[in-house]
Amino acid sequence: METDPMEKLVDDVAALTRDFIPVITDECKAMYRFEYNLQKKYADRVLTLVKDLYDDVLKELVGKKSQMVKEIEACLKEHSQLQQDLHLTIEKHFRDDDPLQIILHTLNDDMKAYREMKAERLKTLADLRKKETELCDLLGVEPLVITSALPSETNLHELDQHIFVLRKTKIDRSDKLNMSRERLNDMMRRLESVPSTEFEKEVCEGNLSVFKLTEQNMNKLEDVVVKYETLVGEATERVDLLESKLEKLWDRIRLPDDERRAFNETYYGIGRSAVSALTHEIERCEILKRANMKSVIEMVRKEIANLWDRMTFTTEARMDFNAYFTDTYNEDVLELHEMEQSRLEHYYEKYKDLFTMADKRDHLLSKMEEFAASAKDPNRYKNRGGQLLREEKERKSTEAQLAKIESQLKRALPEFHMENNGPFLWRGEDLFAILTAEKVPAPKTYSSRQLNVQLGTKRMTPSSSNDSGINMRQLSSDSILSSYSRFQEHIDAGSSPAKRARTPAKRTPSRIPAPRTPGSKTPRRFI
């Protein structure tokens, strides 16, 4: 059995003392007269030194123990904090009577993995916070609040999702910034303008990588885009009006097409140079127009007459436009003609479908009249077997088309009446009243078998009692245009008596609203 180390230490120290004291005594005797007092003095000195040595050893051990206790207390505190931070339980694998070193070592072993877990979370948090800080600074938003010193896995996931949203916001705003920059530069180029504020310069000319994508800046950017879109819209509208006016002037002075093309190819767009060129060209054409006033007015009269024809105006309705019959040729007369032309064009375009259907109905009625006349022909069956079948088929098709057109008109005309507080007039008569009051008789119908029988036997002339035809209605005149009374005051003195006598005394309300719309124009390029 092995000897206890501490008991052995006592024996070794005792043996060392027994061996060491005689040596000390001999040395002292060699130096001094080693009397009792001197011997006692040296004995006390040696004892003090030995005691001090033991005290130092004990003090060192007590210090180490105290330090170890402190370390254990710190570990226990850390152990508790880890459990709290990590929201889990960390088991202790030591007994209370275990030596302090064992307890300390066991505690460190128990907490090693959890310390690493905590360190990893803190590192992840630091990395995420760094990314978040950069994005928040760029976007001008507040960071996500995490109250605990050590974030949980849920906290880290929420922070990661927050960063994902911030990145998406950054991408969206960056895309919007780039597109807005391109759009602004394009609009400024078209307007022939430059940035007018420091913010516009920063957006259009600055380094976009350092542009702060804050909500405030994005709102300002949107306002700038809207501002220039408005300017482009206004410039486009202004150029459209100038072009429309110029096109009319070109038509009035009969400017050759090659000169028009040359101008349009040289001056296009909505910039200042284009506006200036259009303005100068209008001024030039106005001078030419005034120099050729009569021919210009006569040209407009031809266009008005063409519109009257298309809308089947009666003579009385046409005479309501007094200016048409004056011998005076000046700016006022031309303006009235242009106003009337614009009004008629707008009216025709607005109700073009009705005019088209009414005109098609006239065409179909003419065809039905031809069929009716053909049905009265006593020689219609002579050597025309196949032709008769084709005519009968065409007649039925025409009859069906006519019924369809009239049905469409009956549905559309009441709406026109409500919108205009009056009927739709065709050749001076209420077309809806005609459609609802009359039915066009159709010629006698023969089946294919009946026609074959007729052709295979003695040809017979249809009985006069079976004759059928379409009598075209004689359309009476009715006025549909408003009187130009103010103009009459200016032109009565210059009009010939014969022309004035043609103006009817009676006036009927116009069925045509009087908005002024731009005329047709040659397409131009916009870049």
Protein backbone atom coordinates (compact mmCIF):
# COMPACT_ATOMS: atom_id res chain seq x y z
CA MET A 1 0.00 0.00 0.00
CA GLU A 2 1.39 3.38 -0.99
CA THR A 3 2.26 5.89 1.75
CA ASP A 4 0.14 9.01 2.01
CA PRO A 5 2.10 11.83 0.27
CA MET A 6 1.38 14.31 3.04
CA GLU A 7 2.52 11.90 5.81
CA LYS A 8 5.62 11.21 3.77
CA LEU A 9 6.15 14.97 3.50
CA VAL A 10 6.09 15.25 7.30
CA ASP A 11 8.65 12.48 7.63
CA ASP A 12 10.82 13.96 4.90
CA VAL A 13 10.70 17.43 6.45
CA ALA A 14 11.55 15.99 9.89
CA ALA A 15 14.47 14.03 8.47
CA LEU A 16 15.64 17.08 6.52
CA THR A 17 15.45 19.17 9.69
CA ARG A 18 17.39 16.61 11.71
CA ASP A 19 20.10 16.55 9.04
CA PHE A 20 20.10 20.31 8.41
CA ILE A 21 20.27 21.59 12.04
CA PRO A 22 23.68 20.01 12.87
CA VAL A 23 25.17 21.49 9.74
CA ILE A 24 23.89 24.93 10.67
CA THR A 25 25.24 24.48 14.21
CA ASP A 26 28.70 23.50 12.99
CA GLU A 27 28.87 26.49 10.67
CA CYS A 28 27.87 28.81 13.46
CA LYS A 29 30.47 27.32 15.81
CA ALA A 30 33.11 27.79 13.19
CA MET A 31 32.27 31.49 12.96
CA TYR A 32 31.26 32.42 16.45
CA ARG A 33 31.62 31.42 20.06
CA PHE A 34 28.35 29.62 19.90
CA GLU A 35 26.95 30.36 23.30
CA TYR A 36 23.38 29.74 24.40
CA ASN A 37 21.94 33.10 23.47
CA LEU A 38 23.45 33.00 20.02
CA GLN A 39 22.24 29.47 19.49
CA LYS A 40 18.72 30.53 20.55
CA LYS A 41 18.85 33.47 18.23
CA TYR A 42 19.76 31.36 15.23
CA ALA A 43 17.24 28.69 16.22
CA ASP A 44 14.45 31.33 16.36
CA ARG A 45 15.60 32.71 13.04
CA VAL A 46 15.47 29.33 11.35
CA LEU A 47 12.08 28.63 12.90
CA THR A 48 10.75 31.96 11.66
CA LEU A 49 12.02 31.23 8.17
CA VAL A 50 10.42 27.81 8.19
CA LYS A 51 7.17 29.23 9.51
CA ASP A 52 7.21 31.96 6.87
CA LEU A 53 7.74 29.31 4.24
CA TYR A 54 4.73 27.39 5.46
CA ASP A 55 2.72 30.61 5.63
CA ASP A 56 3.64 31.44 2.05
CA VAL A 57 2.70 28.00 0.87
CA LEU A 58 -0.57 28.19 2.72
CA LYS A 59 -1.24 31.69 1.46
CA GLU A 60 -0.62 30.57 -2.10
CA LEU A 61 -2.95 27.64 -1.68
CA VAL A 62 -5.65 29.80 -0.10
CA GLY A 63 -5.28 32.30 -2.94
CA LYS A 64 -5.61 29.60 -5.53
CA LYS A 65 -8.64 28.23 -3.75
CA SER A 66 -10.22 31.66 -3.58
CA GLN A 67 -9.52 32.20 -7.27
CA MET A 68 -10.98 28.83 -8.09
CA VAL A 69 -14.09 29.62 -6.07
CA LYS A 70 -14.46 32.87 -7.95
CA GLU A 71 -14.08 31.07 -11.26
CA ILE A 72 -16.70 28.55 -10.23
CA GLU A 73 -19.04 31.34 -9.17
CA ALA A 74 -18.47 33.07 -12.51
CA CYS A 75 -19.11 29.81 -14.35
CA LEU A 76 -22.29 29.26 -12.39
CA LYS A 77 -23.41 32.79 -13.21
CA GLU A 78 -22.52 32.26 -16.87
CA HIS A 79 -24.30 28.91 -16.73
CA SER A 80 -27.46 30.64 -15.53
CA GLN A 81 -27.14 33.42 -18.12
CA LEU A 82 -26.63 30.93 -20.94
CA GLN A 83 -29.78 29.13 -19.95
CA GLN A 84 -31.64 32.43 -19.93
CA ASP A 85 -30.17 33.68 -23.22
CA LEU A 86 -30.53 30.41 -25.07
CA HIS A 87 -33.91 29.64 -23.55
CA LEU A 88 -32.92 26.11 -22.61
CA THR A 89 -31.72 24.03 -19.64
CA ILE A 90 -28.02 23.13 -19.25
CA GLU A 91 -27.48 20.14 -17.00
CA LYS A 92 -24.73 20.12 -14.30
CA HIS A 93 -22.56 17.01 -14.21
CA PHE A 94 -20.80 17.46 -10.82
CA ARG A 95 -21.54 16.82 -7.15
CA ASP A 96 -21.41 19.45 -4.45
CA ASP A 97 -18.68 17.52 -2.59
CA ASP A 98 -16.44 17.31 -5.67
CA PRO A 99 -13.12 19.18 -5.48
CA LEU A 100 -13.25 22.72 -6.76
CA GLN A 101 -11.03 21.91 -9.72
CA ILE A 102 -13.35 19.08 -10.78
CA ILE A 103 -16.37 21.32 -10.43
CA LEU A 104 -14.70 24.05 -12.47
CA HIS A 105 -13.55 21.67 -15.17
CA THR A 106 -16.97 19.99 -15.36
CA LEU A 107 -18.75 23.32 -15.60
CA ASN A 108 -16.49 24.42 -18.45
CA ASP A 109 -17.08 21.15 -20.25
CA ASP A 110 -20.84 21.46 -19.76
CA MET A 111 -20.91 25.02 -21.15
CA LYS A 112 -18.46 24.63 -24.02
CA ALA A 113 -21.03 23.80 -26.72
CA TYR A 114 -23.44 26.45 -25.46
CA ARG A 115 -20.71 29.06 -25.40
CA GLU A 116 -20.00 28.25 -29.03
CA MET A 117 -23.72 28.48 -29.80
CA LYS A 118 -23.90 31.90 -28.17
CA ALA A 119 -20.78 33.11 -29.94
CA GLU A 120 -22.17 31.94 -33.28
CA ARG A 121 -25.42 33.80 -32.68
CA LEU A 122 -23.59 36.96 -31.70
CA LYS A 123 -21.42 36.72 -34.82
CA THR A 124 -24.49 36.16 -36.98
CA LEU A 125 -26.17 39.12 -35.30
CA ALA A 126 -23.15 41.33 -35.94
CA ASP A 127 -23.02 40.33 -39.62
CA LEU A 128 -26.74 40.91 -40.09
CA ARG A 129 -26.63 44.23 -38.23
CA LYS A 130 -23.83 45.42 -40.49
CA LYS A 131 -25.86 44.65 -43.62
CA GLU A 132 -28.97 46.14 -42.06
CA THR A 133 -27.17 49.34 -41.11
CA GLU A 134 -25.96 49.89 -44.68
CA LEU A 135 -29.45 49.32 -46.10
CA CYS A 136 -31.18 51.45 -43.47
CA ASP A 137 -28.76 54.30 -44.14
CA LEU A 138 -29.37 54.02 -47.89
CA LEU A 139 -33.16 53.73 -47.62
CA GLY A 140 -33.64 56.08 -44.69
CA VAL A 141 -35.48 53.56 -42.49
CA GLU A 142 -35.11 52.45 -38.85
CA PRO A 143 -33.39 49.15 -37.93
CA LEU A 144 -35.35 46.25 -36.52
CA VAL A 145 -35.60 46.38 -32.72
CA ILE A 146 -34.32 43.31 -30.81
CA THR A 147 -34.70 43.75 -27.05
CA SER A 148 -32.62 40.80 -25.79
CA ALA A 149 -28.82 40.94 -25.63
CA LEU A 150 -28.58 37.55 -27.28
CA PRO A 151 -31.09 37.13 -30.09
CA SER A 152 -33.04 33.92 -30.38
CA GLU A 153 -33.19 31.93 -33.59
CA THR A 154 -36.57 33.55 -34.20
CA ASN A 155 -35.04 37.01 -33.74
CA LEU A 156 -32.27 36.20 -36.21
CA HIS A 157 -34.80 34.89 -38.72
CA GLU A 158 -36.90 38.04 -38.37
CA LEU A 159 -33.79 40.19 -38.84
CA ASP A 160 -32.81 38.19 -41.91
CA GLN A 161 -36.31 38.62 -43.35
CA HIS A 162 -36.14 42.34 -42.56
CA ILE A 163 -32.89 42.58 -44.51
CA PHE A 164 -34.48 40.65 -47.39
CA VAL A 165 -37.34 43.18 -47.52
CA LEU A 166 -34.84 46.05 -47.39
CA ARG A 167 -32.85 44.54 -50.26
CA LYS A 168 -36.00 44.12 -52.33
CA THR A 169 -36.96 47.72 -51.57
CA LYS A 170 -33.48 48.80 -52.62
CA ILE A 171 -33.75 46.90 -55.91
CA ASP A 172 -37.23 48.28 -56.62
CA ARG A 173 -36.19 51.83 -55.85
CA SER A 174 -32.95 51.47 -57.81
CA ASP A 175 -34.88 50.20 -60.83
CA LYS A 176 -37.34 53.05 -60.49
CA LEU A 177 -34.47 55.53 -60.19
CA ASN A 178 -32.74 54.18 -63.31
CA MET A 179 -35.96 54.15 -65.34
CA SER A 180 -36.86 57.63 -64.10
CA ARG A 181 -33.42 58.89 -65.03
CA GLU A 182 -33.74 57.51 -68.55
CA ARG A 183 -37.26 58.88 -68.86
CA LEU A 184 -36.28 62.32 -67.56
CA ASN A 185 -33.28 62.55 -69.87
CA ASP A 186 -35.47 61.51 -72.80
CA MET A 187 -38.16 64.06 -71.94
CA MET A 188 -35.57 66.80 -71.45
CA ARG A 189 -34.03 65.91 -74.78
CA ARG A 190 -37.43 66.10 -76.45
CA LEU A 191 -38.18 69.40 -74.73
CA GLU A 192 -34.65 70.66 -75.45
CA SER A 193 -34.25 71.60 -71.79
CA VAL A 194 -31.75 70.93 -68.96
CA PRO A 195 -32.13 70.13 -65.24
CA SER A 196 -33.40 73.20 -63.39
CA THR A 197 -32.69 72.19 -59.76
CA GLU A 198 -29.86 70.55 -57.84
CA PHE A 199 -32.02 67.50 -57.23
CA GLU A 200 -32.73 67.15 -60.96
CA LYS A 201 -28.99 67.47 -61.69
CA GLU A 202 -28.23 64.79 -59.10
CA VAL A 203 -30.78 62.44 -60.66
CA CYS A 204 -29.97 63.11 -64.31
CA GLU A 205 -26.20 63.68 -64.15
CA GLY A 206 -24.93 62.47 -60.76
CA ASN A 207 -23.53 59.15 -59.52
CA LEU A 208 -26.58 57.01 -58.79
CA SER A 209 -24.60 54.58 -56.62
CA VAL A 210 -24.46 57.19 -53.84
CA PHE A 211 -28.00 58.48 -54.31
CA LYS A 212 -30.02 58.05 -51.12
CA LEU A 213 -33.05 55.91 -51.91
CA THR A 214 -35.14 57.36 -49.12
CA GLU A 215 -38.90 57.57 -49.34
CA GLN A 216 -38.66 61.35 -49.37
CA ASN A 217 -36.24 61.31 -52.33
CA MET A 218 -38.40 58.80 -54.21
CA ASN A 219 -41.44 61.04 -53.73
CA LYS A 220 -39.45 64.02 -54.99
CA LEU A 221 -38.33 61.92 -57.95
CA GLU A 222 -41.92 61.01 -58.75
CA ASP A 223 -42.89 64.69 -58.56
CA VAL A 224 -40.11 65.60 -60.99
CA VAL A 225 -41.22 62.89 -63.44
CA VAL A 226 -44.83 64.11 -63.22
CA LYS A 227 -43.62 67.67 -63.75
CA TYR A 228 -41.81 66.80 -66.97
CA GLU A 229 -44.61 64.51 -68.14
CA THR A 230 -46.93 67.49 -67.75
CA LEU A 231 -44.50 69.69 -69.67
CA VAL A 232 -44.26 67.08 -72.43
CA GLY A 233 -48.05 66.77 -72.54
CA GLU A 234 -48.47 70.53 -72.74
CA ALA A 235 -45.75 70.81 -75.38
CA THR A 236 -47.29 67.96 -77.38
CA GLU A 237 -50.71 69.58 -77.22
CA ARG A 238 -49.23 72.93 -78.21
CA VAL A 239 -47.38 71.37 -81.16
CA ASP A 240 -50.49 69.42 -82.18
CA LEU A 241 -52.49 72.63 -82.29
CA LEU A 242 -49.77 74.39 -84.25
CA GLU A 243 -49.48 71.48 -86.68
CA SER A 244 -53.23 71.28 -87.10
CA LYS A 245 -53.36 74.98 -87.85
CA LEU A 246 -50.39 74.68 -90.20
CA GLU A 247 -51.92 71.71 -92.03
CA LYS A 248 -55.08 73.71 -92.64
CA LEU A 249 -53.06 76.67 -93.84
CA TRP A 250 -51.07 74.42 -96.17
CA ASP A 251 -54.33 73.06 -97.52
CA ARG A 252 -55.70 76.55 -97.92
CA ILE A 253 -52.71 77.85 -99.86
CA ARG A 254 -52.26 74.49 -101.63
CA LEU A 255 -48.66 74.05 -100.62
CA PRO A 256 -47.06 71.22 -102.66
CA ASP A 257 -46.54 67.88 -100.89
CA ASP A 258 -42.78 67.89 -101.43
CA GLU A 259 -42.48 71.20 -99.58
CA ARG A 260 -44.60 69.83 -96.73
CA ARG A 261 -42.45 66.72 -96.48
CA ALA A 262 -39.27 68.79 -96.52
CA PHE A 263 -40.54 70.92 -93.64
CA ASN A 264 -41.74 67.93 -91.60
CA GLU A 265 -38.45 66.10 -92.08
CA THR A 266 -36.47 69.15 -90.99
CA TYR A 267 -38.59 70.33 -88.06
CA TYR A 268 -40.15 67.64 -85.91
CA GLY A 269 -40.64 66.87 -82.24
CA ILE A 270 -41.93 69.07 -79.42
CA GLY A 271 -38.81 71.05 -78.57
CA ARG A 272 -38.32 74.78 -78.67
CA SER A 273 -36.79 74.71 -82.13
CA ALA A 274 -39.79 72.82 -83.55
CA VAL A 275 -42.26 75.21 -81.89
CA SER A 276 -40.33 78.19 -83.22
CA ALA A 277 -40.21 76.73 -86.74
CA LEU A 278 -43.94 75.94 -86.69
CA THR A 279 -44.75 79.44 -85.47
CA HIS A 280 -42.68 81.09 -88.19
CA GLU A 281 -44.15 78.81 -90.87
CA ILE A 282 -47.68 79.64 -89.70
CA GLU A 283 -46.90 83.34 -89.89
CA ARG A 284 -45.55 82.89 -93.42
CA CYS A 285 -48.59 80.89 -94.52
CA GLU A 286 -50.97 83.40 -92.95
CA ILE A 287 -49.44 86.09 -95.13
CA LEU A 288 -49.90 83.89 -98.21
CA LYS A 289 -53.46 83.07 -97.18
CA ARG A 290 -54.41 86.72 -96.83
CA ALA A 291 -52.92 87.38 -100.24
CA ASN A 292 -55.16 84.64 -101.73
CA MET A 293 -58.27 85.07 -99.59
CA LYS A 294 -60.88 84.47 -102.30
CA SER A 295 -59.41 81.20 -103.55
CA VAL A 296 -58.98 80.00 -99.98
CA ILE A 297 -62.61 80.73 -99.10
CA GLU A 298 -63.80 79.05 -102.30
CA MET A 299 -61.82 75.94 -101.37
CA VAL A 300 -63.43 75.82 -97.92
CA ARG A 301 -66.85 76.22 -99.54
CA LYS A 302 -66.20 73.16 -101.69
CA GLU A 303 -65.36 71.16 -98.56
CA ILE A 304 -68.51 72.42 -96.81
CA ALA A 305 -70.61 71.54 -99.86
CA ASN A 306 -69.11 68.04 -99.84
CA LEU A 307 -70.10 67.65 -96.17
CA TRP A 308 -73.61 68.89 -96.95
CA ASP A 309 -73.87 66.28 -99.69
CA ARG A 310 -72.68 63.49 -97.41
CA MET A 311 -75.23 64.47 -94.76
CA THR A 312 -78.02 65.05 -97.35
CA PHE A 313 -78.72 68.62 -96.28
CA THR A 314 -81.67 70.22 -98.02
CA THR A 315 -81.37 73.46 -99.97
CA GLU A 316 -83.14 75.35 -97.21
CA ALA A 317 -80.75 73.91 -94.60
CA ARG A 318 -77.75 74.91 -96.69
CA MET A 319 -79.06 78.43 -97.12
CA ASP A 320 -79.09 78.81 -93.33
CA PHE A 321 -75.33 79.32 -93.57
CA ASN A 322 -75.53 82.88 -94.91
CA ALA A 323 -71.79 83.33 -95.22
CA TYR A 324 -71.68 80.73 -97.97
CA PHE A 325 -73.50 83.07 -100.37
CA THR A 326 -71.70 86.35 -99.69
CA ASP A 327 -69.46 88.10 -102.20
CA THR A 328 -67.31 89.49 -99.41
CA TYR A 329 -63.90 87.85 -98.94
CA ASN A 330 -62.05 88.70 -95.75
CA GLU A 331 -60.74 87.18 -92.51
CA ASP A 332 -64.16 87.21 -90.83
CA VAL A 333 -65.77 85.37 -93.73
CA LEU A 334 -62.97 82.81 -93.79
CA GLU A 335 -63.19 82.29 -90.04
CA LEU A 336 -66.93 81.66 -90.24
CA HIS A 337 -66.40 79.16 -93.05
CA GLU A 338 -63.68 77.37 -91.09
CA MET A 339 -65.87 77.28 -87.99
CA GLU A 340 -68.74 75.84 -90.00
CA GLN A 341 -66.50 73.27 -91.65
CA SER A 342 -65.06 72.23 -88.29
CA ARG A 343 -68.57 71.99 -86.81
CA LEU A 344 -69.86 69.88 -89.68
CA GLU A 345 -66.80 67.60 -89.60
CA HIS A 346 -67.19 67.06 -85.87
CA TYR A 347 -70.89 66.32 -86.25
CA TYR A 348 -70.32 63.93 -89.15
CA GLU A 349 -67.56 62.04 -87.35
CA LYS A 350 -69.62 61.82 -84.17
CA TYR A 351 -72.60 60.28 -85.97
CA LYS A 352 -70.74 58.67 -88.84
CA ASP A 353 -72.29 55.28 -88.12
CA LEU A 354 -75.80 56.72 -88.52
CA PHE A 355 -74.94 58.47 -91.77
CA THR A 356 -73.28 55.32 -93.10
CA MET A 357 -76.30 53.17 -92.24
CA ALA A 358 -78.73 55.71 -93.71
CA ASP A 359 -76.71 55.88 -96.91
CA LYS A 360 -76.51 52.10 -97.10
CA ARG A 361 -80.27 51.93 -96.60
CA ASP A 362 -80.72 54.25 -99.60
CA HIS A 363 -78.50 51.98 -101.66
CA LEU A 364 -80.44 48.89 -100.63
CA LEU A 365 -83.75 50.63 -101.36
CA SER A 366 -82.47 51.44 -104.85
CA LYS A 367 -81.63 47.79 -105.39
CA MET A 368 -85.06 46.75 -104.16
CA GLU A 369 -86.59 49.23 -106.57
CA GLU A 370 -84.62 47.62 -109.38
CA PHE A 371 -85.89 44.20 -108.35
CA ALA A 372 -89.45 45.56 -108.27
CA ALA A 373 -89.04 47.03 -111.76
CA SER A 374 -87.60 43.75 -112.97
CA ALA A 375 -90.57 41.88 -111.51
CA LYS A 376 -92.90 43.96 -113.71
CA ASP A 377 -91.01 43.10 -116.88
CA PRO A 378 -93.22 40.71 -118.96
CA ASN A 379 -90.15 39.21 -120.62
CA ARG A 380 -88.28 38.37 -117.42
CA TYR A 381 -88.79 34.58 -117.88
CA LYS A 382 -87.50 34.32 -121.44
CA ASN A 383 -84.38 32.13 -121.53
CA ARG A 384 -83.25 33.33 -118.08
CA GLY A 385 -83.76 30.31 -115.83
CA GLY A 386 -80.40 30.41 -114.01
CA GLN A 387 -80.35 34.19 -114.00
CA LEU A 388 -83.78 34.33 -112.35
CA LEU A 389 -82.62 32.07 -109.55
CA ARG A 390 -79.58 34.27 -108.95
CA GLU A 391 -81.71 37.41 -109.01
CA GLU A 392 -84.15 35.89 -106.53
CA LYS A 393 -81.29 34.90 -104.23
CA GLU A 394 -79.77 38.39 -104.47
CA ARG A 395 -83.17 39.98 -103.82
CA LYS A 396 -83.65 37.93 -100.65
CA SER A 397 -80.14 38.84 -99.48
CA THR A 398 -80.80 42.53 -100.17
CA GLU A 399 -84.13 42.32 -98.36
CA ALA A 400 -82.43 40.73 -95.33
CA GLN A 401 -79.70 43.38 -95.32
CA LEU A 402 -82.28 46.13 -95.55
CA ALA A 403 -84.23 44.70 -92.63
CA LYS A 404 -81.04 44.45 -90.58
CA ILE A 405 -79.98 48.04 -91.36
CA GLU A 406 -83.43 49.40 -90.52
CA SER A 407 -83.47 47.41 -87.28
CA GLN A 408 -80.10 48.89 -86.30
CA LEU A 409 -81.31 52.38 -87.16
CA LYS A 410 -84.46 51.93 -85.08
CA ARG A 411 -82.30 51.06 -82.08
CA ALA A 412 -79.81 53.91 -82.58
CA LEU A 413 -82.05 56.81 -83.60
CA PRO A 414 -83.95 57.18 -80.27
CA GLU A 415 -80.63 57.58 -78.51
CA PHE A 416 -79.70 60.31 -81.00
CA HIS A 417 -83.04 62.01 -80.34
CA MET A 418 -82.45 62.02 -76.58
CA GLU A 419 -78.89 63.27 -76.95
CA ASN A 420 -79.76 66.10 -79.35
CA ASN A 421 -83.33 66.92 -78.27
CA GLY A 422 -84.48 66.36 -81.81
CA PRO A 423 -84.79 63.76 -84.58
CA PHE A 424 -82.12 62.59 -86.99
CA LEU A 425 -82.93 64.21 -90.32
CA TRP A 426 -82.15 62.47 -93.61
CA ARG A 427 -82.92 64.48 -96.72
CA GLY A 428 -84.77 66.87 -94.42
CA GLU A 429 -87.11 64.27 -92.89
CA ASP A 430 -87.27 62.45 -89.56
CA LEU A 431 -85.72 59.11 -90.47
CA PHE A 432 -87.03 57.34 -87.38
CA ALA A 433 -90.59 58.45 -88.16
CA ILE A 434 -90.20 57.12 -91.70
CA LEU A 435 -88.91 53.76 -90.45
CA THR A 436 -91.68 53.31 -87.91
CA ALA A 437 -94.52 54.58 -90.12
CA GLU A 438 -93.78 52.85 -93.43
CA LYS A 439 -92.85 49.40 -94.63
CA VAL A 440 -91.43 49.00 -98.09
CA PRO A 441 -93.47 46.37 -100.03
CA ALA A 442 -91.46 43.53 -101.51
CA PRO A 443 -92.04 42.01 -104.95
CA LYS A 444 -93.80 38.66 -105.17
CA THR A 445 -91.53 35.83 -104.12
CA TYR A 446 -91.19 32.64 -106.18
CA SER A 447 -89.61 29.46 -104.94
CA SER A 448 -87.12 27.61 -107.11
CA ARG A 449 -89.77 24.97 -107.88
CA GLN A 450 -92.30 27.60 -108.90
CA LEU A 451 -89.73 29.22 -111.15
CA ASN A 452 -88.93 25.89 -112.79
CA VAL A 453 -92.64 25.28 -113.37
CA GLN A 454 -93.00 28.72 -114.85
CA LEU A 455 -90.03 28.15 -117.12
CA GLY A 456 -91.16 24.64 -118.13
CA THR A 457 -94.66 25.71 -119.19
CA LYS A 458 -96.10 28.61 -121.05
CA ARG A 459 -94.48 31.79 -119.83
CA MET A 460 -97.05 33.97 -118.21
CA THR A 461 -96.94 37.68 -117.55
CA PRO A 462 -97.42 38.45 -113.89
CA SER A 463 -100.86 39.78 -113.13
CA SER A 464 -101.20 43.45 -112.58
CA SER A 465 -102.81 42.69 -109.24
CA ASN A 466 -99.59 40.95 -108.17
CA ASP A 467 -97.29 43.63 -109.44
CA SER A 468 -95.27 45.12 -106.66
CA GLY A 469 -92.75 47.92 -106.63
CA ILE A 470 -91.06 50.38 -104.39
CA ASN A 471 -92.12 53.99 -104.68
CA MET A 472 -89.28 56.20 -103.60
CA ARG A 473 -90.47 58.87 -101.26
CA GLN A 474 -90.27 62.47 -102.32
CA LEU A 475 -88.31 63.98 -99.44
CA SER A 476 -89.34 67.46 -98.38
CA SER A 477 -86.81 70.05 -97.24
CA ASP A 478 -86.28 71.02 -93.66
CA SER A 479 -83.77 73.33 -92.10
CA ILE A 480 -81.17 71.81 -89.77
CA LEU A 481 -78.52 74.49 -89.33
CA SER A 482 -78.59 77.54 -87.08
CA SER A 483 -78.63 80.99 -88.58
CA TYR A 484 -75.49 83.03 -88.49
CA SER A 485 -77.27 86.25 -87.47
CA ARG A 486 -74.20 88.03 -86.18
CA PHE A 487 -72.38 87.42 -89.42
CA GLN A 488 -75.45 88.61 -91.37
CA GLU A 489 -75.07 92.04 -89.77
CA HIS A 490 -71.52 92.31 -91.14
CA ILE A 491 -72.14 91.01 -94.64
CA ASP A 492 -75.65 92.25 -95.52
CA ALA A 493 -74.24 95.52 -96.80
CA GLY A 494 -71.75 93.72 -99.06
CA SER A 495 -74.05 90.94 -100.26
CA SER A 496 -75.90 91.25 -103.53
CA PRO A 497 -79.71 91.59 -103.32
CA ALA A 498 -80.18 88.39 -105.24
CA LYS A 499 -78.05 86.41 -102.79
CA ARG A 500 -79.77 87.89 -99.75
CA ALA A 501 -83.14 87.06 -101.17
CA ARG A 502 -82.25 83.35 -101.07
CA THR A 503 -81.97 83.28 -97.28
CA PRO A 504 -85.19 81.85 -95.86
CA ALA A 505 -87.05 83.93 -93.32
CA LYS A 506 -87.95 80.92 -91.19
CA ARG A 507 -85.28 79.37 -88.98
CA THR A 508 -85.38 75.98 -87.37
CA PRO A 509 -83.18 74.86 -84.47
CA SER A 510 -79.96 73.19 -85.54
CA ARG A 511 -79.48 69.52 -84.82
CA ILE A 512 -75.73 69.95 -84.84
CA PRO A 513 -73.75 70.85 -81.70
CA ALA A 514 -71.12 73.48 -82.35
CA PRO A 515 -67.77 72.34 -80.90
CA ARG A 516 -64.63 73.30 -82.76
CA THR A 517 -62.33 70.42 -83.57
CA PRO A 518 -58.94 70.36 -85.33
CA GLY A 519 -58.95 69.34 -88.96
CA SER A 520 -57.06 66.47 -90.48
CA LYS A 521 -53.31 66.71 -90.49
CA THR A 522 -50.32 65.13 -92.11
CA PRO A 523 -48.62 62.66 -89.73
CA ARG A 524 -45.41 63.98 -88.21
CA ARG A 525 -42.58 62.31 -86.41
CA PHE A 526 -42.13 62.78 -82.69
CA ILE A 527 -38.77 61.89 -81.27
